[in-house]
């Protein structure tokens, strides 16, 4: 399955949990500048993707991600992230460097 087409660019909450998503286009969410909560829980996503800087909560548990550096690159507003149940074996020293608002991992 792929991302739905025509998501309004003023969307603030996007729940794509349990949708059998395998891949998110690299810039798949970048046209959503007001997005605050993104829920990708329980899919099969295995490649990193970008999020808009507006995202404050990212739920991506239960996927196949091995690397989250690209995902976290724009995480300047992130307060909560959940990557439990992915395939990461290590997290880089600078992965969360721009995430100065982060309180829950």
C-alpha atoms as a PDB file:
ATOM      1  CA  UNK A   1       0.000   0.000   0.000  1.00  0.00           C
ATOM      2  CA  UNK A   2       1.126   3.582  -0.537  1.00  0.00           C
ATOM      3  CA  UNK A   3       0.295   6.959   0.959  1.00  0.00           C
ATOM      4  CA  UNK A   4      -3.200   8.202   0.196  1.00  0.00           C
ATOM      5  CA  UNK A   5      -3.369  10.923  -2.441  1.00  0.00           C
ATOM      6  CA  UNK A   6      -4.842  14.352  -1.824  1.00  0.00           C
ATOM      7  CA  UNK A   7      -4.152  14.766   1.897  1.00  0.00           C
ATOM      8  CA  UNK A   8      -5.134  18.406   2.617  1.00  0.00           C
ATOM      9  CA  UNK A   9      -2.057  20.548   3.318  1.00  0.00           C
ATOM     10  CA  UNK A  10      -3.696  21.988   6.458  1.00  0.00           C
ATOM     11  CA  UNK A  11      -3.877  18.513   8.083  1.00  0.00           C
ATOM     12  CA  UNK A  12      -2.757  18.567  11.726  1.00  0.00           C
ATOM     13  CA  UNK A  13      -3.292  14.919  12.727  1.00  0.00           C
ATOM     14  CA  UNK A  14      -2.582  12.040  10.360  1.00  0.00           C
ATOM     15  CA  UNK A  15      -3.282   8.492  11.513  1.00  0.00           C
ATOM     16  CA  UNK A  16      -1.903   5.904   9.094  1.00  0.00           C
ATOM     17  CA  UNK A  17      -1.544   3.131  11.689  1.00  0.00           C
ATOM     18  CA  UNK A  18      -2.023  -0.490  10.575  1.00  0.00           C
ATOM     19  CA  UNK A  19      -2.216   0.366   6.862  1.00  0.00           C
ATOM     20  CA  UNK A  20       0.334  -2.127   5.513  1.00  0.00           C
ATOM     21  CA  UNK A  21       2.535   0.745   4.323  1.00  0.00           C
ATOM     22  CA  UNK A  22       5.911  -0.536   3.151  1.00  0.00           C
ATOM     23  CA  UNK A  23       7.534   2.678   2.032  1.00  0.00           C
ATOM     24  CA  UNK A  24       7.035   6.407   2.468  1.00  0.00           C
ATOM     25  CA  UNK A  25       8.354   8.565  -0.369  1.00  0.00           C
ATOM     26  CA  UNK A  26      11.324  10.564   0.933  1.00  0.00           C
ATOM     27  CA  UNK A  27       9.323  13.824   0.849  1.00  0.00           C
ATOM     28  CA  UNK A  28       5.925  12.187   1.351  1.00  0.00           C
ATOM     29  CA  UNK A  29       4.876  14.431   4.241  1.00  0.00           C
ATOM     30  CA  UNK A  30       6.724  17.632   3.341  1.00  0.00           C
ATOM     31  CA  UNK A  31       3.593  19.192   1.774  1.00  0.00           C
ATOM     32  CA  UNK A  32       1.907  19.091   5.209  1.00  0.00           C
ATOM     33  CA  UNK A  33       3.418  22.126   6.969  1.00  0.00           C
ATOM     34  CA  UNK A  34       0.820  22.123   9.786  1.00  0.00           C
ATOM     35  CA  UNK A  35       1.159  18.449  10.712  1.00  0.00           C
ATOM     36  CA  UNK A  36       1.519  18.018  14.488  1.00  0.00           C
ATOM     37  CA  UNK A  37       0.826  14.315  15.093  1.00  0.00           C
ATOM     38  CA  UNK A  38       1.898  11.541  12.714  1.00  0.00           C
ATOM     39  CA  UNK A  39       0.959   7.956  13.567  1.00  0.00           C
ATOM     40  CA  UNK A  40       2.627   5.257  11.447  1.00  0.00           C
ATOM     41  CA  UNK A  41       2.354   2.466  14.031  1.00  0.00           C
ATOM     42  CA  UNK A  42       2.151  -1.135  12.856  1.00  0.00           C
ATOM     43  CA  UNK A  43       3.139  -0.825   9.224  1.00  0.00           C
ATOM     44  CA  UNK A  44       6.102  -2.404   7.402  1.00  0.00           C
ATOM     45  CA  UNK A  45       8.097   0.752   6.651  1.00  0.00           C
ATOM     46  CA  UNK A  46      11.770  -0.098   6.199  1.00  0.00           C
ATOM     47  CA  UNK A  47      13.256   3.018   4.593  1.00  0.00           C
ATOM     48  CA  UNK A  48      13.731   6.366   6.358  1.00  0.00           C
ATOM     49  CA  UNK A  49      11.554   9.311   5.357  1.00  0.00           C
ATOM     50  CA  UNK A  50      11.371  13.025   6.167  1.00  0.00           C
ATOM     51  CA  UNK A  51       8.852  14.742   8.407  1.00  0.00           C
ATOM     52  CA  UNK A  52       7.900  18.430   8.396  1.00  0.00           C
ATOM     53  CA  UNK A  53       9.429  20.581  11.142  1.00  0.00           C
ATOM     54  CA  UNK A  54       5.929  21.149  12.571  1.00  0.00           C
ATOM     55  CA  UNK A  55       5.573  17.535  13.825  1.00  0.00           C
ATOM     56  CA  UNK A  56       5.513  17.313  17.633  1.00  0.00           C
ATOM     57  CA  UNK A  57       4.507  13.652  18.060  1.00  0.00           C
ATOM     58  CA  UNK A  58       5.710  10.784  15.892  1.00  0.00           C
ATOM     59  CA  UNK A  59       4.513   7.232  16.510  1.00  0.00           C
ATOM     60  CA  UNK A  60       6.379   4.734  14.331  1.00  0.00           C
ATOM     61  CA  UNK A  61       6.458   1.629  16.536  1.00  0.00           C
ATOM     62  CA  UNK A  62       6.194  -1.798  14.964  1.00  0.00           C
ATOM     63  CA  UNK A  63       7.806  -1.041  11.609  1.00  0.00           C
ATOM     64  CA  UNK A  64      11.049  -2.277  10.026  1.00  0.00           C
ATOM     65  CA  UNK A  65      13.188   0.880  10.281  1.00  0.00           C
ATOM     66  CA  UNK A  66      16.916   0.319  10.742  1.00  0.00           C
ATOM     67  CA  UNK A  67      18.029   3.949  10.466  1.00  0.00           C
ATOM     68  CA  UNK A  68      16.167   7.021  11.742  1.00  0.00           C
ATOM     69  CA  UNK A  69      18.690   9.794  11.007  1.00  0.00           C
ATOM     70  CA  UNK A  70      16.703  11.148   8.026  1.00  0.00           C
ATOM     71  CA  UNK A  71      13.449  10.920  10.004  1.00  0.00           C
ATOM     72  CA  UNK A  72      14.876  12.959  12.872  1.00  0.00           C
ATOM     73  CA  UNK A  73      16.655  15.551  10.703  1.00  0.00           C
ATOM     74  CA  UNK A  74      13.684  17.962  10.802  1.00  0.00           C
ATOM     75  CA  UNK A  75      12.545  17.043  14.319  1.00  0.00           C
ATOM     76  CA  UNK A  76      13.063  20.507  15.799  1.00  0.00           C
ATOM     77  CA  UNK A  77       9.543  20.578  17.328  1.00  0.00           C
ATOM     78  CA  UNK A  78       9.345  16.896  18.304  1.00  0.00           C
ATOM     79  CA  UNK A  79       8.360  16.287  21.912  1.00  0.00           C
ATOM     80  CA  UNK A  80       7.520  12.578  21.668  1.00  0.00           C
ATOM     81  CA  UNK A  81       8.855   9.812  19.406  1.00  0.00           C
ATOM     82  CA  UNK A  82       8.155   6.088  19.541  1.00  0.00           C
ATOM     83  CA  UNK A  83      10.287   3.700  17.496  1.00  0.00           C
ATOM     84  CA  UNK A  84       9.769   0.599  19.663  1.00  0.00           C
ATOM     85  CA  UNK A  85       9.708  -2.674  17.750  1.00  0.00           C
ATOM     86  CA  UNK A  86      11.782  -1.551  14.771  1.00  0.00           C
ATOM     87  CA  UNK A  87      15.063  -3.076  13.570  1.00  0.00           C
ATOM     88  CA  UNK A  88      17.508  -0.452  14.815  1.00  0.00           C
ATOM     89  CA  UNK A  89      20.661  -1.828  16.371  1.00  0.00           C
ATOM     90  CA  UNK A  90      22.345   1.522  17.047  1.00  0.00           C
ATOM     91  CA  UNK A  91      21.458   5.209  17.116  1.00  0.00           C
ATOM     92  CA  UNK A  92      24.013   7.760  15.948  1.00  0.00           C
ATOM     93  CA  UNK A  93      25.416  10.303  18.360  1.00  0.00           C
ATOM     94  CA  UNK A  94      23.895  13.215  16.409  1.00  0.00           C
ATOM     95  CA  UNK A  95      20.561  11.590  15.546  1.00  0.00           C
ATOM     96  CA  UNK A  96      18.638  13.739  18.053  1.00  0.00           C
ATOM     97  CA  UNK A  97      20.924  16.809  17.884  1.00  0.00           C
ATOM     98  CA  UNK A  98      18.255  19.127  16.400  1.00  0.00           C
ATOM     99  CA  UNK A  99      15.476  17.759  18.632  1.00  0.00           C
ATOM    100  CA  UNK A 100      15.825  20.257  21.456  1.00  0.00           C
ATOM    101  CA  UNK A 101      12.156  19.934  22.522  1.00  0.00           C
ATOM    102  CA  UNK A 102      12.236  16.125  22.859  1.00  0.00           C
ATOM    103  CA  UNK A 103      10.970  14.843  26.223  1.00  0.00           C
ATOM    104  CA  UNK A 104       9.823  11.246  25.505  1.00  0.00           C
ATOM    105  CA  UNK A 105      11.657   8.592  23.475  1.00  0.00           C
END
